[in-house]
Amino acid sequence: MHDSVWFEVNGKPSVVVASAAFVDAAEAQARALGLPEVRRVFVPHPIQDATDDEMRAKADAIVGRLIEALTS
């Protein structure tokens, strides 16, 4: 979250990507950092024990949302 806020404040589009388990924490952190509208995309939880193939599938599933978030 800190990095995305820094990039956004400096005019560089960014998107936070995190596990869905952290939706509330990301919202609170974005508010605390002064940029509640920072773009966020969440992947299904859990990710810690996901195989490489499962992680690729999770990434493939959100790539369109990432592009949309960066270009809208």
N, C-alpha and C. Protein backbone atom coordinates (compact mmCIF):
# COMPACT_ATOMS: atom_id res chain seq x y z
N MET A 1 0.81 -1.18 0.00
CA MET A 1 0.00 0.00 0.00
C MET A 1 0.87 1.26 0.00
N HIS A 2 1.89 1.26 0.83
CA HIS A 2 2.77 2.44 0.89
C HIS A 2 3.36 2.76 -0.48
N ASP A 3 3.83 1.73 -1.17
CA ASP A 3 4.45 1.97 -2.48
C ASP A 3 3.45 2.53 -3.48
N SER A 4 2.25 1.96 -3.52
CA SER A 4 1.25 2.46 -4.47
C SER A 4 0.87 3.90 -4.17
N VAL A 5 0.71 4.23 -2.91
CA VAL A 5 0.40 5.61 -2.55
C VAL A 5 1.55 6.53 -2.98
N TRP A 6 2.78 6.12 -2.73
CA TRP A 6 3.93 6.93 -3.13
C TRP A 6 3.93 7.15 -4.64
N PHE A 7 3.74 6.06 -5.41
CA PHE A 7 3.71 6.20 -6.87
C PHE A 7 2.59 7.14 -7.31
N GLU A 8 1.41 6.96 -6.76
CA GLU A 8 0.28 7.79 -7.14
C GLU A 8 0.53 9.27 -6.82
N VAL A 9 1.04 9.54 -5.64
CA VAL A 9 1.34 10.93 -5.25
C VAL A 9 2.37 11.54 -6.20
N ASN A 10 3.23 10.71 -6.75
CA ASN A 10 4.26 11.19 -7.67
C ASN A 10 3.86 11.04 -9.13
N GLY A 11 2.55 10.88 -9.38
CA GLY A 11 2.04 10.89 -10.74
C GLY A 11 2.22 9.62 -11.53
N LYS A 12 2.50 8.53 -10.87
CA LYS A 12 2.70 7.26 -11.56
C LYS A 12 1.56 6.31 -11.18
N PRO A 13 0.75 5.91 -12.15
CA PRO A 13 -0.38 5.02 -11.85
C PRO A 13 0.11 3.70 -11.26
N SER A 14 -0.63 3.21 -10.28
CA SER A 14 -0.29 1.92 -9.68
C SER A 14 -1.56 1.27 -9.16
N VAL A 15 -1.45 -0.02 -8.88
CA VAL A 15 -2.55 -0.80 -8.34
C VAL A 15 -1.99 -1.72 -7.26
N VAL A 16 -2.64 -1.72 -6.12
CA VAL A 16 -2.29 -2.66 -5.06
C VAL A 16 -2.91 -4.01 -5.42
N VAL A 17 -2.13 -5.07 -5.35
CA VAL A 17 -2.64 -6.43 -5.54
C VAL A 17 -2.42 -7.16 -4.23
N ALA A 18 -3.50 -7.71 -3.69
CA ALA A 18 -3.40 -8.39 -2.40
C ALA A 18 -4.42 -9.51 -2.34
N SER A 19 -4.24 -10.35 -1.35
CA SER A 19 -5.19 -11.42 -1.08
C SER A 19 -6.50 -10.84 -0.56
N ALA A 20 -7.60 -11.46 -0.91
CA ALA A 20 -8.91 -10.99 -0.49
C ALA A 20 -9.07 -10.96 1.02
N ALA A 21 -8.23 -11.65 1.74
CA ALA A 21 -8.29 -11.63 3.19
C ALA A 21 -7.93 -10.26 3.76
N PHE A 22 -7.35 -9.40 2.92
CA PHE A 22 -6.85 -8.11 3.40
C PHE A 22 -7.65 -6.92 2.89
N VAL A 23 -8.88 -7.14 2.45
CA VAL A 23 -9.71 -6.05 1.94
C VAL A 23 -9.88 -4.95 2.99
N ASP A 24 -10.31 -5.32 4.18
CA ASP A 24 -10.54 -4.31 5.22
C ASP A 24 -9.25 -3.62 5.63
N ALA A 25 -8.17 -4.39 5.76
CA ALA A 25 -6.89 -3.80 6.15
C ALA A 25 -6.40 -2.83 5.07
N ALA A 26 -6.58 -3.19 3.81
CA ALA A 26 -6.13 -2.31 2.72
C ALA A 26 -6.93 -1.01 2.72
N GLU A 27 -8.23 -1.11 2.96
CA GLU A 27 -9.05 0.08 3.01
C GLU A 27 -8.61 1.00 4.15
N ALA A 28 -8.38 0.43 5.31
CA ALA A 28 -7.94 1.23 6.47
C ALA A 28 -6.57 1.85 6.21
N GLN A 29 -5.68 1.09 5.62
CA GLN A 29 -4.33 1.59 5.35
C GLN A 29 -4.37 2.72 4.33
N ALA A 30 -5.18 2.56 3.29
CA ALA A 30 -5.29 3.61 2.27
C ALA A 30 -5.80 4.90 2.89
N ARG A 31 -6.80 4.80 3.75
CA ARG A 31 -7.31 5.99 4.44
C ARG A 31 -6.24 6.60 5.32
N ALA A 32 -5.53 5.77 6.07
CA ALA A 32 -4.49 6.27 6.99
C ALA A 32 -3.37 6.96 6.22
N LEU A 33 -3.10 6.51 5.01
CA LEU A 33 -2.03 7.11 4.20
C LEU A 33 -2.52 8.32 3.41
N GLY A 34 -3.79 8.65 3.54
CA GLY A 34 -4.31 9.84 2.91
C GLY A 34 -4.75 9.69 1.47
N LEU A 35 -4.88 8.46 0.99
CA LEU A 35 -5.31 8.25 -0.39
C LEU A 35 -6.32 7.09 -0.43
N PRO A 36 -7.52 7.34 0.11
CA PRO A 36 -8.49 6.25 0.21
C PRO A 36 -8.92 5.69 -1.15
N GLU A 37 -8.71 6.45 -2.21
CA GLU A 37 -9.12 5.98 -3.53
C GLU A 37 -8.03 5.20 -4.27
N VAL A 38 -6.92 4.91 -3.60
CA VAL A 38 -5.87 4.15 -4.27
C VAL A 38 -6.47 2.86 -4.84
N ARG A 39 -6.07 2.54 -6.05
CA ARG A 39 -6.66 1.40 -6.75
C ARG A 39 -6.18 0.09 -6.13
N ARG A 40 -7.13 -0.86 -6.02
CA ARG A 40 -6.82 -2.14 -5.41
C ARG A 40 -7.51 -3.25 -6.21
N VAL A 41 -6.81 -4.35 -6.36
CA VAL A 41 -7.38 -5.56 -6.95
C VAL A 41 -7.00 -6.71 -6.02
N PHE A 42 -7.99 -7.53 -5.71
CA PHE A 42 -7.76 -8.62 -4.77
C PHE A 42 -7.89 -9.98 -5.46
N VAL A 43 -7.02 -10.89 -5.07
CA VAL A 43 -7.05 -12.26 -5.56
C VAL A 43 -7.66 -13.14 -4.48
N PRO A 44 -8.28 -14.25 -4.87
CA PRO A 44 -8.86 -15.14 -3.87
C PRO A 44 -7.81 -15.63 -2.87
N HIS A 45 -8.23 -15.70 -1.64
CA HIS A 45 -7.39 -16.21 -0.55
C HIS A 45 -7.59 -17.72 -0.46
N PRO A 46 -6.64 -18.50 -0.09
CA PRO A 46 -5.29 -18.14 0.30
C PRO A 46 -4.33 -18.16 -0.88
N ILE A 47 -3.19 -17.53 -0.68
CA ILE A 47 -2.14 -17.58 -1.71
C ILE A 47 -0.86 -18.21 -1.18
N GLN A 48 -0.70 -18.22 0.11
CA GLN A 48 0.56 -18.69 0.71
C GLN A 48 0.93 -20.11 0.27
N ASP A 49 -0.05 -20.99 0.24
CA ASP A 49 0.24 -22.39 -0.10
C ASP A 49 -0.11 -22.74 -1.54
N ALA A 50 -0.41 -21.73 -2.35
CA ALA A 50 -0.78 -21.99 -3.74
C ALA A 50 0.43 -22.47 -4.54
N THR A 51 0.16 -23.39 -5.44
CA THR A 51 1.22 -23.87 -6.34
C THR A 51 1.49 -22.80 -7.39
N ASP A 52 2.56 -22.97 -8.13
CA ASP A 52 2.86 -22.03 -9.21
C ASP A 52 1.71 -21.96 -10.21
N ASP A 53 1.16 -23.12 -10.56
CA ASP A 53 0.04 -23.14 -11.51
C ASP A 53 -1.19 -22.43 -10.95
N GLU A 54 -1.47 -22.60 -9.67
CA GLU A 54 -2.59 -21.91 -9.04
C GLU A 54 -2.36 -20.41 -9.02
N MET A 55 -1.13 -19.98 -8.75
CA MET A 55 -0.83 -18.55 -8.76
C MET A 55 -0.96 -17.97 -10.16
N ARG A 56 -0.53 -18.72 -11.18
CA ARG A 56 -0.71 -18.25 -12.55
C ARG A 56 -2.19 -18.08 -12.88
N ALA A 57 -3.00 -19.03 -12.44
CA ALA A 57 -4.44 -18.95 -12.69
C ALA A 57 -5.04 -17.73 -11.98
N LYS A 58 -4.59 -17.47 -10.77
CA LYS A 58 -5.08 -16.29 -10.04
C LYS A 58 -4.68 -15.02 -10.78
N ALA A 59 -3.46 -14.96 -11.27
CA ALA A 59 -2.99 -13.79 -12.01
C ALA A 59 -3.76 -13.63 -13.32
N ASP A 60 -3.94 -14.73 -14.03
CA ASP A 60 -4.70 -14.67 -15.29
C ASP A 60 -6.11 -14.15 -15.06
N ALA A 61 -6.69 -14.52 -13.92
CA ALA A 61 -8.07 -14.13 -13.63
C ALA A 61 -8.22 -12.64 -13.35
N ILE A 62 -7.15 -11.97 -12.95
CA ILE A 62 -7.28 -10.55 -12.60
C ILE A 62 -6.59 -9.61 -13.57
N VAL A 63 -5.89 -10.12 -14.55
CA VAL A 63 -5.12 -9.23 -15.42
C VAL A 63 -6.01 -8.18 -16.09
N GLY A 64 -7.20 -8.55 -16.49
CA GLY A 64 -8.12 -7.58 -17.09
C GLY A 64 -8.51 -6.48 -16.11
N ARG A 65 -8.74 -6.85 -14.85
CA ARG A 65 -9.07 -5.87 -13.83
C ARG A 65 -7.89 -4.95 -13.55
N LEU A 66 -6.67 -5.48 -13.61
CA LEU A 66 -5.48 -4.65 -13.41
C LEU A 66 -5.36 -3.61 -14.52
N ILE A 67 -5.54 -4.05 -15.74
CA ILE A 67 -5.46 -3.13 -16.87
C ILE A 67 -6.54 -2.06 -16.76
N GLU A 68 -7.75 -2.48 -16.42
CA GLU A 68 -8.86 -1.54 -16.25
C GLU A 68 -8.54 -0.52 -15.16
N ALA A 69 -8.02 -1.00 -14.05
CA ALA A 69 -7.70 -0.10 -12.94
C ALA A 69 -6.62 0.91 -13.32
N LEU A 70 -5.66 0.48 -14.10
CA LEU A 70 -4.57 1.38 -14.49
C LEU A 70 -4.97 2.38 -15.58
N THR A 71 -5.98 2.05 -16.33
CA THR A 71 -6.30 2.90 -17.48
C THR A 71 -7.60 3.69 -17.31
N SER A 72 -8.26 3.54 -16.19
CA SER A 72 -9.52 4.28 -16.01
C SER A 72 -9.34 5.42 -15.03
